[in-house]
Amino acid sequence: MTRVQFVKVSGAGNDFVLIDNLDGHLGIAWVEFSRAVCDRHRGVGADGLIVLQPTHLAAFEMMYFNADGSAGAMCGNGGRAAVYYFGLRYSARNSVEFTFGNDRYHAEVKRENVCLSMKNPSIIDANLRLEIAGRELRGYVVDSGAPHVVFPAEQVVRTPEQFDEMDIVSLCRSIRYHGRFAPYGKNVDLIIMRNNEVIMRTYERGVEAETLACGTGAVACAIVANASSGLCSPVHVHTRGGETVTVRFEITYRGYEHVVLEGAANIHFSGTLLFDETLKSAHRIAGAVQRR
């Protein structure tokens, strides 16, 4: 058994288990660990696992794993939650930099809000057409640090009330696993636009379910709202969890630049896990928690 201290954090509704490994003492098989700890029935339960690792390039290196153990692309809300934790734990200044993959990210902490500078997003396909259950859906393919397909929800519902009530899982799963996106698939976002605001719902690959928010998804939705309907920066994106994130961007001759994702981050509780390295099984996780 390996004893592991953890912190439960969230960003705009996305929830994560965070492991502080800045002293480098843990040598765990993170893929199996993420599957176990993110299990909402036998583990702590989360959309993903964040591991803070030491690096000489920035305050920390962020590793991210989806709930199914797959190595996740950049997670905007996870990055914001990690910065919020780091600031509180290490009394860091309002400005924090971290690395993810080969990229470096800059964030500013403003009380309980974290503003994270994102990679420049790009619209890969502005004329996507998919045949789903005998219906043609038109949307956008966007790279916002993670791959997303974004569809205006008016194609499947008539009112915001219907959009709020509809079960999006079966529809989005058909899109996520569409042969056109094989072998890795894409995250799927449905949006409704009104004034300078966007209401979004997201199905995340790796979680294989609807999540309460998605940071890279919010960026993708804001960019699509600008490209399709002329919504100007800042775009306020309302998430399924009831929180609002703000996406700011500039449009230059190179495309969308200086993109910032802003929203709340929280620390909910901490505790200790006992992880069975041999079985790598979720039911081997146990521990007490301390709520904040």
C-alpha atoms as a PDB file:
ATOM      1  CA  MET A   1       0.000   0.000   0.000  1.00  0.00           C
ATOM      2  CA  THR A   2       1.154   3.509  -0.828  1.00  0.00           C
ATOM      3  CA  ARG A   3      -0.102   6.366   1.316  1.00  0.00           C
ATOM      4  CA  VAL A   4      -1.020   9.354  -0.833  1.00  0.00           C
ATOM      5  CA  GLN A   5      -2.233  12.742   0.325  1.00  0.00           C
ATOM      6  CA  PHE A   6      -4.751  14.396  -1.972  1.00  0.00           C
ATOM      7  CA  VAL A   7      -6.760  17.595  -2.317  1.00  0.00           C
ATOM      8  CA  LYS A   8     -10.175  17.835  -3.970  1.00  0.00           C
ATOM      9  CA  VAL A   9     -10.337  20.987  -6.113  1.00  0.00           C
ATOM     10  CA  SER A  10     -12.648  22.398  -8.754  1.00  0.00           C
ATOM     11  CA  GLY A  11     -12.782  25.052 -11.425  1.00  0.00           C
ATOM     12  CA  ALA A  12     -16.201  26.398 -12.469  1.00  0.00           C
ATOM     13  CA  GLY A  13     -17.762  23.000 -11.739  1.00  0.00           C
ATOM     14  CA  ASN A  14     -15.096  20.696 -13.162  1.00  0.00           C
ATOM     15  CA  ASP A  15     -13.820  18.689 -10.198  1.00  0.00           C
ATOM     16  CA  PHE A  16     -10.389  17.139  -9.821  1.00  0.00           C
ATOM     17  CA  VAL A  17      -8.263  15.131  -7.428  1.00  0.00           C
ATOM     18  CA  LEU A  18      -4.960  16.984  -7.056  1.00  0.00           C
ATOM     19  CA  ILE A  19      -1.744  15.297  -5.933  1.00  0.00           C
ATOM     20  CA  ASP A  20       1.079  17.565  -4.810  1.00  0.00           C
ATOM     21  CA  ASN A  21       4.246  15.735  -5.835  1.00  0.00           C
ATOM     22  CA  LEU A  22       6.508  18.777  -5.929  1.00  0.00           C
ATOM     23  CA  ASP A  23       9.046  17.018  -3.744  1.00  0.00           C
ATOM     24  CA  GLY A  24       9.101  14.150  -6.257  1.00  0.00           C
ATOM     25  CA  HIS A  25       8.656  11.432  -3.630  1.00  0.00           C
ATOM     26  CA  LEU A  26       5.826   9.556  -5.354  1.00  0.00           C
ATOM     27  CA  GLY A  27       6.566   7.054  -8.100  1.00  0.00           C
ATOM     28  CA  ILE A  28       3.053   5.851  -8.810  1.00  0.00           C
ATOM     29  CA  ALA A  29       1.552   4.379 -11.972  1.00  0.00           C
ATOM     30  CA  TRP A  30      -0.608   7.429 -12.544  1.00  0.00           C
ATOM     31  CA  VAL A  31      -2.786   5.872 -15.247  1.00  0.00           C
ATOM     32  CA  GLU A  32      -4.097   3.148 -12.960  1.00  0.00           C
ATOM     33  CA  PHE A  33      -4.212   5.539 -10.030  1.00  0.00           C
ATOM     34  CA  SER A  34      -6.370   8.026 -11.937  1.00  0.00           C
ATOM     35  CA  ARG A  35      -8.902   5.350 -12.852  1.00  0.00           C
ATOM     36  CA  ALA A  36      -9.166   4.299  -9.224  1.00  0.00           C
ATOM     37  CA  VAL A  37      -9.243   7.690  -7.546  1.00  0.00           C
ATOM     38  CA  CYS A  38     -11.664   9.279 -10.064  1.00  0.00           C
ATOM     39  CA  ASP A  39     -14.230   6.493  -9.703  1.00  0.00           C
ATOM     40  CA  ARG A  40     -17.307   8.191  -8.247  1.00  0.00           C
ATOM     41  CA  HIS A  41     -18.509   5.002  -6.533  1.00  0.00           C
ATOM     42  CA  ARG A  42     -15.327   3.443  -5.099  1.00  0.00           C
ATOM     43  CA  GLY A  43     -12.834   6.312  -5.180  1.00  0.00           C
ATOM     44  CA  VAL A  44     -12.916   9.998  -4.347  1.00  0.00           C
ATOM     45  CA  GLY A  45     -14.719  10.812  -7.599  1.00  0.00           C
ATOM     46  CA  ALA A  46     -13.610  13.411 -10.127  1.00  0.00           C
ATOM     47  CA  ASP A  47     -13.531  14.414 -13.785  1.00  0.00           C
ATOM     48  CA  GLY A  48      -9.756  13.998 -13.778  1.00  0.00           C
ATOM     49  CA  LEU A  49      -6.490  13.733 -11.892  1.00  0.00           C
ATOM     50  CA  ILE A  50      -3.985  16.602 -11.586  1.00  0.00           C
ATOM     51  CA  VAL A  51      -0.421  15.897 -10.494  1.00  0.00           C
ATOM     52  CA  LEU A  52       1.949  18.743  -9.657  1.00  0.00           C
ATOM     53  CA  GLN A  53       5.517  17.795 -10.530  1.00  0.00           C
ATOM     54  CA  PRO A  54       8.803  19.649  -9.949  1.00  0.00           C
ATOM     55  CA  THR A  55      10.430  21.516 -12.840  1.00  0.00           C
ATOM     56  CA  HIS A  56      13.156  24.122 -13.146  1.00  0.00           C
ATOM     57  CA  LEU A  57      11.225  25.909 -15.916  1.00  0.00           C
ATOM     58  CA  ALA A  58       8.329  27.266 -13.832  1.00  0.00           C
ATOM     59  CA  ALA A  59       6.586  27.001 -10.476  1.00  0.00           C
ATOM     60  CA  PHE A  60       5.413  23.493 -11.308  1.00  0.00           C
ATOM     61  CA  GLU A  61       4.690  21.050 -14.098  1.00  0.00           C
ATOM     62  CA  MET A  62       1.069  19.967 -14.397  1.00  0.00           C
ATOM     63  CA  MET A  63       0.280  16.416 -15.430  1.00  0.00           C
ATOM     64  CA  TYR A  64      -3.347  15.649 -16.261  1.00  0.00           C
ATOM     65  CA  PHE A  65      -5.194  12.357 -16.635  1.00  0.00           C
ATOM     66  CA  ASN A  66      -8.829  11.861 -17.563  1.00  0.00           C
ATOM     67  CA  ALA A  67     -11.095   9.824 -15.328  1.00  0.00           C
ATOM     68  CA  ASP A  68     -10.616   6.776 -17.565  1.00  0.00           C
ATOM     69  CA  GLY A  69      -6.828   6.975 -17.200  1.00  0.00           C
ATOM     70  CA  SER A  70      -6.115   8.432 -20.612  1.00  0.00           C
ATOM     71  CA  ALA A  71      -3.585  11.237 -20.824  1.00  0.00           C
ATOM     72  CA  GLY A  72      -5.649  14.357 -21.202  1.00  0.00           C
ATOM     73  CA  ALA A  73      -5.036  17.299 -23.479  1.00  0.00           C
ATOM     74  CA  MET A  74      -4.764  20.692 -21.800  1.00  0.00           C
ATOM     75  CA  CYS A  75      -7.451  21.209 -19.174  1.00  0.00           C
ATOM     76  CA  GLY A  76      -8.234  24.898 -18.705  1.00  0.00           C
ATOM     77  CA  ASN A  77     -10.290  24.580 -15.543  1.00  0.00           C
ATOM     78  CA  GLY A  78      -7.800  22.081 -14.142  1.00  0.00           C
ATOM     79  CA  GLY A  79      -4.980  24.522 -14.772  1.00  0.00           C
ATOM     80  CA  ARG A  80      -6.877  27.284 -12.997  1.00  0.00           C
ATOM     81  CA  ALA A  81      -7.626  25.006 -10.028  1.00  0.00           C
ATOM     82  CA  ALA A  82      -3.979  23.945  -9.819  1.00  0.00           C
ATOM     83  CA  VAL A  83      -2.822  27.571  -9.780  1.00  0.00           C
ATOM     84  CA  TYR A  84      -5.350  28.430  -7.074  1.00  0.00           C
ATOM     85  CA  TYR A  85      -4.120  25.541  -4.904  1.00  0.00           C
ATOM     86  CA  PHE A  86      -0.469  26.428  -5.477  1.00  0.00           C
ATOM     87  CA  GLY A  87      -1.056  30.050  -4.532  1.00  0.00           C
ATOM     88  CA  LEU A  88      -2.707  29.137  -1.247  1.00  0.00           C
ATOM     89  CA  ARG A  89      -0.382  26.284  -0.314  1.00  0.00           C
ATOM     90  CA  TYR A  90       2.872  28.077  -1.036  1.00  0.00           C
ATOM     91  CA  SER A  91       1.810  31.680  -0.447  1.00  0.00           C
ATOM     92  CA  ALA A  92       2.686  32.443  -4.040  1.00  0.00           C
ATOM     93  CA  ARG A  93       2.256  35.873  -5.519  1.00  0.00           C
ATOM     94  CA  ASN A  94      -0.718  36.677  -7.697  1.00  0.00           C
ATOM     95  CA  SER A  95       1.242  35.676 -10.787  1.00  0.00           C
ATOM     96  CA  VAL A  96       2.041  31.976 -11.347  1.00  0.00           C
ATOM     97  CA  GLU A  97       3.587  30.155 -14.292  1.00  0.00           C
ATOM     98  CA  PHE A  98       3.482  26.404 -14.923  1.00  0.00           C
ATOM     99  CA  THR A  99       4.259  23.992 -17.723  1.00  0.00           C
ATOM    100  CA  PHE A 100       2.035  21.428 -19.382  1.00  0.00           C
ATOM    101  CA  GLY A 101       3.531  19.244 -22.058  1.00  0.00           C
ATOM    102  CA  ASN A 102       5.846  21.414 -24.102  1.00  0.00           C
ATOM    103  CA  ASP A 103       3.986  24.624 -23.346  1.00  0.00           C
ATOM    104  CA  ARG A 104       4.258  27.267 -20.643  1.00  0.00           C
ATOM    105  CA  TYR A 105       1.177  28.899 -19.122  1.00  0.00           C
ATOM    106  CA  HIS A 106       0.776  32.146 -17.209  1.00  0.00           C
ATOM    107  CA  ALA A 107      -1.991  32.802 -14.678  1.00  0.00           C
ATOM    108  CA  GLU A 108      -3.137  35.643 -12.450  1.00  0.00           C
ATOM    109  CA  VAL A 109      -5.029  35.059  -9.219  1.00  0.00           C
ATOM    110  CA  LYS A 110      -7.689  37.634  -8.364  1.00  0.00           C
ATOM    111  CA  ARG A 111      -9.218  36.597  -5.040  1.00  0.00           C
ATOM    112  CA  GLU A 112     -11.136  33.407  -5.877  1.00  0.00           C
ATOM    113  CA  ASN A 113     -10.953  33.960  -9.631  1.00  0.00           C
ATOM    114  CA  VAL A 114      -8.047  32.700 -11.704  1.00  0.00           C
ATOM    115  CA  CYS A 115      -7.240  34.185 -15.109  1.00  0.00           C
ATOM    116  CA  LEU A 116      -5.343  31.695 -17.257  1.00  0.00           C
ATOM    117  CA  SER A 117      -3.686  32.606 -20.546  1.00  0.00           C
ATOM    118  CA  MET A 118      -4.531  29.871 -23.025  1.00  0.00           C
ATOM    119  CA  LYS A 119      -2.909  28.678 -26.234  1.00  0.00           C
ATOM    120  CA  ASN A 120      -4.058  30.462 -29.376  1.00  0.00           C
ATOM    121  CA  PRO A 121      -7.133  28.560 -30.582  1.00  0.00           C
ATOM    122  CA  SER A 122      -7.867  27.835 -34.217  1.00  0.00           C
ATOM    123  CA  ILE A 123     -10.944  26.848 -36.174  1.00  0.00           C
ATOM    124  CA  ILE A 124      -9.977  23.698 -38.062  1.00  0.00           C
ATOM    125  CA  ASP A 125     -13.266  23.313 -39.935  1.00  0.00           C
ATOM    126  CA  ALA A 126     -15.968  25.985 -40.095  1.00  0.00           C
ATOM    127  CA  ASN A 127     -18.254  23.893 -42.301  1.00  0.00           C
ATOM    128  CA  LEU A 128     -18.513  20.581 -40.497  1.00  0.00           C
ATOM    129  CA  ARG A 129     -21.473  18.462 -41.539  1.00  0.00           C
ATOM    130  CA  LEU A 130     -22.282  15.188 -39.812  1.00  0.00           C
ATOM    131  CA  GLU A 131     -25.072  12.703 -40.414  1.00  0.00           C
ATOM    132  CA  ILE A 132     -26.362  11.686 -36.975  1.00  0.00           C
ATOM    133  CA  ALA A 133     -29.467   9.502 -36.622  1.00  0.00           C
ATOM    134  CA  GLY A 134     -30.753  10.558 -40.021  1.00  0.00           C
ATOM    135  CA  ARG A 135     -30.236  14.247 -39.324  1.00  0.00           C
ATOM    136  CA  GLU A 136     -27.533  16.503 -40.723  1.00  0.00           C
ATOM    137  CA  LEU A 137     -25.858  18.620 -38.081  1.00  0.00           C
ATOM    138  CA  ARG A 138     -23.647  21.580 -38.933  1.00  0.00           C
ATOM    139  CA  GLY A 139     -20.902  22.746 -36.650  1.00  0.00           C
ATOM    140  CA  TYR A 140     -17.277  23.673 -36.126  1.00  0.00           C
ATOM    141  CA  VAL A 141     -14.096  21.806 -35.322  1.00  0.00           C
ATOM    142  CA  VAL A 142     -11.885  23.836 -32.977  1.00  0.00           C
ATOM    143  CA  ASP A 143      -8.463  23.270 -31.452  1.00  0.00           C
ATOM    144  CA  SER A 144      -8.413  25.230 -28.191  1.00  0.00           C
ATOM    145  CA  GLY A 145      -5.637  23.261 -26.551  1.00  0.00           C
ATOM    146  CA  ALA A 146      -7.935  20.232 -26.707  1.00  0.00           C
ATOM    147  CA  PRO A 147     -10.005  19.036 -29.703  1.00  0.00           C
ATOM    148  CA  HIS A 148     -13.635  20.134 -29.722  1.00  0.00           C
ATOM    149  CA  VAL A 149     -16.612  20.015 -32.047  1.00  0.00           C
ATOM    150  CA  VAL A 150     -19.161  22.754 -31.399  1.00  0.00           C
ATOM    151  CA  PHE A 151     -22.770  22.675 -32.619  1.00  0.00           C
ATOM    152  CA  PRO A 152     -25.482  25.341 -32.281  1.00  0.00           C
ATOM    153  CA  ALA A 153     -28.190  23.627 -30.239  1.00  0.00           C
ATOM    154  CA  GLU A 154     -31.001  25.241 -32.238  1.00  0.00           C
ATOM    155  CA  GLN A 155     -30.557  22.365 -34.665  1.00  0.00           C
ATOM    156  CA  VAL A 156     -31.968  19.908 -32.118  1.00  0.00           C
ATOM    157  CA  VAL A 157     -34.116  22.009 -29.751  1.00  0.00           C
ATOM    158  CA  ARG A 158     -36.336  25.045 -30.155  1.00  0.00           C
ATOM    159  CA  THR A 159     -36.118  26.834 -26.814  1.00  0.00           C
ATOM    160  CA  PRO A 160     -33.553  27.396 -24.036  1.00  0.00           C
ATOM    161  CA  GLU A 161     -35.871  25.469 -21.727  1.00  0.00           C
ATOM    162  CA  GLN A 162     -35.709  22.420 -23.987  1.00  0.00           C
ATOM    163  CA  PHE A 163     -31.943  22.801 -24.179  1.00  0.00           C
ATOM    164  CA  ASP A 164     -31.712  22.803 -20.398  1.00  0.00           C
ATOM    165  CA  GLU A 165     -33.897  19.707 -20.059  1.00  0.00           C
ATOM    166  CA  MET A 166     -32.594  17.553 -22.920  1.00  0.00           C
ATOM    167  CA  ASP A 167     -30.433  14.489 -22.376  1.00  0.00           C
ATOM    168  CA  ILE A 168     -27.365  15.229 -24.461  1.00  0.00           C
ATOM    169  CA  VAL A 169     -25.377  12.071 -23.702  1.00  0.00           C
ATOM    170  CA  SER A 170     -26.610   9.766 -26.483  1.00  0.00           C
ATOM    171  CA  LEU A 171     -26.400  12.492 -29.129  1.00  0.00           C
ATOM    172  CA  CYS A 172     -22.957  13.666 -28.073  1.00  0.00           C
ATOM    173  CA  ARG A 173     -21.642  10.136 -27.711  1.00  0.00           C
ATOM    174  CA  SER A 174     -22.606   9.465 -31.325  1.00  0.00           C
ATOM    175  CA  ILE A 175     -20.633  12.543 -32.366  1.00  0.00           C
ATOM    176  CA  ARG A 176     -17.686  11.841 -30.061  1.00  0.00           C
ATOM    177  CA  TYR A 177     -17.262   8.322 -31.534  1.00  0.00           C
ATOM    178  CA  HIS A 178     -18.091   9.282 -35.134  1.00  0.00           C
ATOM    179  CA  GLY A 179     -15.817   7.567 -37.627  1.00  0.00           C
ATOM    180  CA  ARG A 180     -14.739  10.916 -38.994  1.00  0.00           C
ATOM    181  CA  PHE A 181     -12.932  11.618 -35.716  1.00  0.00           C
ATOM    182  CA  ALA A 182     -11.329   8.184 -35.292  1.00  0.00           C
ATOM    183  CA  PRO A 183      -9.288   6.958 -33.591  1.00  0.00           C
ATOM    184  CA  TYR A 184      -9.200   9.447 -30.710  1.00  0.00           C
ATOM    185  CA  GLY A 185     -12.549  11.195 -30.994  1.00  0.00           C
ATOM    186  CA  LYS A 186     -13.339  14.723 -29.835  1.00  0.00           C
ATOM    187  CA  ASN A 187     -15.044  16.600 -27.029  1.00  0.00           C
ATOM    188  CA  VAL A 188     -18.531  17.749 -27.976  1.00  0.00           C
ATOM    189  CA  ASP A 189     -20.127  21.103 -27.090  1.00  0.00           C
ATOM    190  CA  LEU A 190     -23.690  22.268 -27.707  1.00  0.00           C
ATOM    191  CA  ILE A 191     -24.372  25.982 -27.401  1.00  0.00           C
ATOM    192  CA  ILE A 192     -27.125  28.564 -27.406  1.00  0.00           C
ATOM    193  CA  MET A 193     -26.166  32.209 -27.951  1.00  0.00           C
ATOM    194  CA  ARG A 194     -27.980  35.256 -26.639  1.00  0.00           C
ATOM    195  CA  ASN A 195     -26.765  38.851 -26.531  1.00  0.00           C
ATOM    196  CA  ASN A 196     -23.043  38.574 -25.713  1.00  0.00           C
ATOM    197  CA  GLU A 197     -23.469  35.372 -23.754  1.00  0.00           C
ATOM    198  CA  VAL A 198     -23.238  31.665 -24.471  1.00  0.00           C
ATOM    199  CA  ILE A 199     -24.933  28.769 -22.714  1.00  0.00           C
ATOM    200  CA  MET A 200     -22.901  25.605 -23.143  1.00  0.00           C
ATOM    201  CA  ARG A 201     -23.215  21.913 -22.401  1.00  0.00           C
ATOM    202  CA  THR A 202     -20.252  19.598 -22.855  1.00  0.00           C
ATOM    203  CA  TYR A 203     -19.621  15.894 -23.258  1.00  0.00           C
ATOM    204  CA  GLU A 204     -15.979  15.198 -22.428  1.00  0.00           C
ATOM    205  CA  ARG A 205     -14.006  12.319 -23.854  1.00  0.00           C
ATOM    206  CA  GLY A 206     -12.041  10.502 -21.175  1.00  0.00           C
ATOM    207  CA  VAL A 207     -14.856  11.193 -18.732  1.00  0.00           C
ATOM    208  CA  GLU A 208     -17.382   9.760 -21.202  1.00  0.00           C
ATOM    209  CA  ALA A 209     -20.191  11.798 -19.726  1.00  0.00           C
ATOM    210  CA  GLU A 210     -21.524  15.318 -19.528  1.00  0.00           C
ATOM    211  CA  THR A 211     -19.456  17.483 -17.193  1.00  0.00           C
ATOM    212  CA  LEU A 212     -20.534  20.586 -15.298  1.00  0.00           C
ATOM    213  CA  ALA A 213     -17.981  22.729 -17.148  1.00  0.00           C
ATOM    214  CA  CYS A 214     -15.038  22.576 -19.542  1.00  0.00           C
ATOM    215  CA  GLY A 215     -12.368  25.265 -19.813  1.00  0.00           C
ATOM    216  CA  THR A 216     -11.057  24.499 -23.300  1.00  0.00           C
ATOM    217  CA  GLY A 217     -14.671  23.915 -24.294  1.00  0.00           C
ATOM    218  CA  ALA A 218     -15.634  27.385 -23.076  1.00  0.00           C
ATOM    219  CA  VAL A 219     -12.836  28.859 -25.195  1.00  0.00           C
ATOM    220  CA  ALA A 220     -13.963  26.852 -28.227  1.00  0.00           C
ATOM    221  CA  CYS A 221     -17.583  27.957 -27.731  1.00  0.00           C
ATOM    222  CA  ALA A 222     -16.608  31.623 -27.382  1.00  0.00           C
ATOM    223  CA  ILE A 223     -14.542  31.475 -30.574  1.00  0.00           C
ATOM    224  CA  VAL A 224     -17.391  29.819 -32.468  1.00  0.00           C
ATOM    225  CA  ALA A 225     -19.826  32.418 -31.105  1.00  0.00           C
ATOM    226  CA  ASN A 226     -17.573  35.140 -32.501  1.00  0.00           C
ATOM    227  CA  ALA A 227     -17.029  33.434 -35.849  1.00  0.00           C
ATOM    228  CA  SER A 228     -20.678  32.524 -36.411  1.00  0.00           C
ATOM    229  CA  SER A 229     -22.571  35.390 -34.792  1.00  0.00           C
ATOM    230  CA  GLY A 230     -20.048  38.148 -34.183  1.00  0.00           C
ATOM    231  CA  LEU A 231     -20.061  38.007 -30.386  1.00  0.00           C
ATOM    232  CA  CYS A 232     -17.303  40.308 -29.171  1.00  0.00           C
ATOM    233  CA  SER A 233     -14.745  39.815 -26.425  1.00  0.00           C
ATOM    234  CA  PRO A 234     -15.349  39.318 -23.563  1.00  0.00           C
ATOM    235  CA  VAL A 235     -17.783  36.436 -24.015  1.00  0.00           C
ATOM    236  CA  HIS A 236     -19.530  35.180 -20.886  1.00  0.00           C
ATOM    237  CA  VAL A 237     -20.078  31.426 -20.981  1.00  0.00           C
ATOM    238  CA  HIS A 238     -22.684  29.876 -18.691  1.00  0.00           C
ATOM    239  CA  THR A 239     -21.856  26.314 -17.664  1.00  0.00           C
ATOM    240  CA  ARG A 240     -24.030  23.368 -16.716  1.00  0.00           C
ATOM    241  CA  GLY A 241     -22.936  23.711 -13.101  1.00  0.00           C
ATOM    242  CA  GLY A 242     -24.455  27.178 -12.858  1.00  0.00           C
ATOM    243  CA  GLU A 243     -21.166  29.084 -12.859  1.00  0.00           C
ATOM    244  CA  THR A 244     -20.009  31.555 -15.480  1.00  0.00           C
ATOM    245  CA  VAL A 245     -16.556  31.769 -17.030  1.00  0.00           C
ATOM    246  CA  THR A 246     -15.342  34.671 -19.113  1.00  0.00           C
ATOM    247  CA  VAL A 247     -13.300  34.289 -22.294  1.00  0.00           C
ATOM    248  CA  ARG A 248     -11.301  37.255 -23.561  1.00  0.00           C
ATOM    249  CA  PHE A 249      -9.475  37.320 -26.879  1.00  0.00           C
ATOM    250  CA  GLU A 250      -8.048  39.550 -29.560  1.00  0.00           C
ATOM    251  CA  ILE A 251      -8.387  39.064 -33.289  1.00  0.00           C
ATOM    252  CA  THR A 252      -5.258  39.784 -35.327  1.00  0.00           C
ATOM    253  CA  TYR A 253      -4.145  38.998 -38.849  1.00  0.00           C
ATOM    254  CA  ARG A 254      -2.830  35.708 -37.443  1.00  0.00           C
ATOM    255  CA  GLY A 255      -6.177  34.737 -35.954  1.00  0.00           C
ATOM    256  CA  TYR A 256      -7.303  34.550 -32.329  1.00  0.00           C
ATOM    257  CA  GLU A 257      -4.615  35.586 -29.853  1.00  0.00           C
ATOM    258  CA  HIS A 258      -4.141  36.641 -26.217  1.00  0.00           C
ATOM    259  CA  VAL A 259      -6.916  34.329 -25.068  1.00  0.00           C
ATOM    260  CA  VAL A 260      -7.657  34.412 -21.336  1.00  0.00           C
ATOM    261  CA  LEU A 261     -10.014  32.089 -19.459  1.00  0.00           C
ATOM    262  CA  GLU A 262     -11.313  33.553 -16.189  1.00  0.00           C
ATOM    263  CA  GLY A 263     -13.473  31.938 -13.549  1.00  0.00           C
ATOM    264  CA  ALA A 264     -13.743  30.731  -9.984  1.00  0.00           C
ATOM    265  CA  ALA A 265     -11.628  27.985  -8.453  1.00  0.00           C
ATOM    266  CA  ASN A 266     -12.153  26.225  -5.148  1.00  0.00           C
ATOM    267  CA  ILE A 267     -10.547  23.817  -2.692  1.00  0.00           C
ATOM    268  CA  HIS A 268     -13.155  21.534  -1.117  1.00  0.00           C
ATOM    269  CA  PHE A 269     -11.399  19.005   1.115  1.00  0.00           C
ATOM    270  CA  SER A 270      -8.196  17.061   1.626  1.00  0.00           C
ATOM    271  CA  GLY A 271      -7.379  13.586   2.878  1.00  0.00           C
ATOM    272  CA  THR A 272      -5.174  10.514   2.663  1.00  0.00           C
ATOM    273  CA  LEU A 273      -5.527   7.566   0.288  1.00  0.00           C
ATOM    274  CA  LEU A 274      -4.206   4.041   0.573  1.00  0.00           C
ATOM    275  CA  PHE A 275      -3.467   2.835  -2.947  1.00  0.00           C
ATOM    276  CA  ASP A 276      -2.768  -0.838  -3.621  1.00  0.00           C
ATOM    277  CA  GLU A 277       0.104  -0.809  -6.111  1.00  0.00           C
ATOM    278  CA  THR A 278      -0.375  -4.501  -6.920  1.00  0.00           C
ATOM    279  CA  LEU A 279      -4.108  -4.677  -7.571  1.00  0.00           C
ATOM    280  CA  LYS A 280      -4.399  -1.068  -8.805  1.00  0.00           C
ATOM    281  CA  SER A 281      -8.040  -1.397  -7.920  1.00  0.00           C
ATOM    282  CA  ALA A 282     -10.524   1.288  -7.002  1.00  0.00           C
ATOM    283  CA  HIS A 283     -11.960  -0.611  -4.063  1.00  0.00           C
ATOM    284  CA  ARG A 284      -8.520  -0.516  -2.482  1.00  0.00           C
ATOM    285  CA  ILE A 285      -8.742   3.215  -2.012  1.00  0.00           C
ATOM    286  CA  ALA A 286      -9.765   4.443   1.417  1.00  0.00           C
ATOM    287  CA  GLY A 287      -9.042   7.334   3.725  1.00  0.00           C
ATOM    288  CA  ALA A 288     -10.294  10.137   5.902  1.00  0.00           C
ATOM    289  CA  VAL A 289     -10.980  13.614   4.637  1.00  0.00           C
ATOM    290  CA  GLN A 290     -10.653  17.066   6.110  1.00  0.00           C
ATOM    291  CA  ARG A 291     -13.145  19.556   4.779  1.00  0.00           C
ATOM    292  CA  ARG A 292     -12.274  23.193   4.316  1.00  0.00           C
END
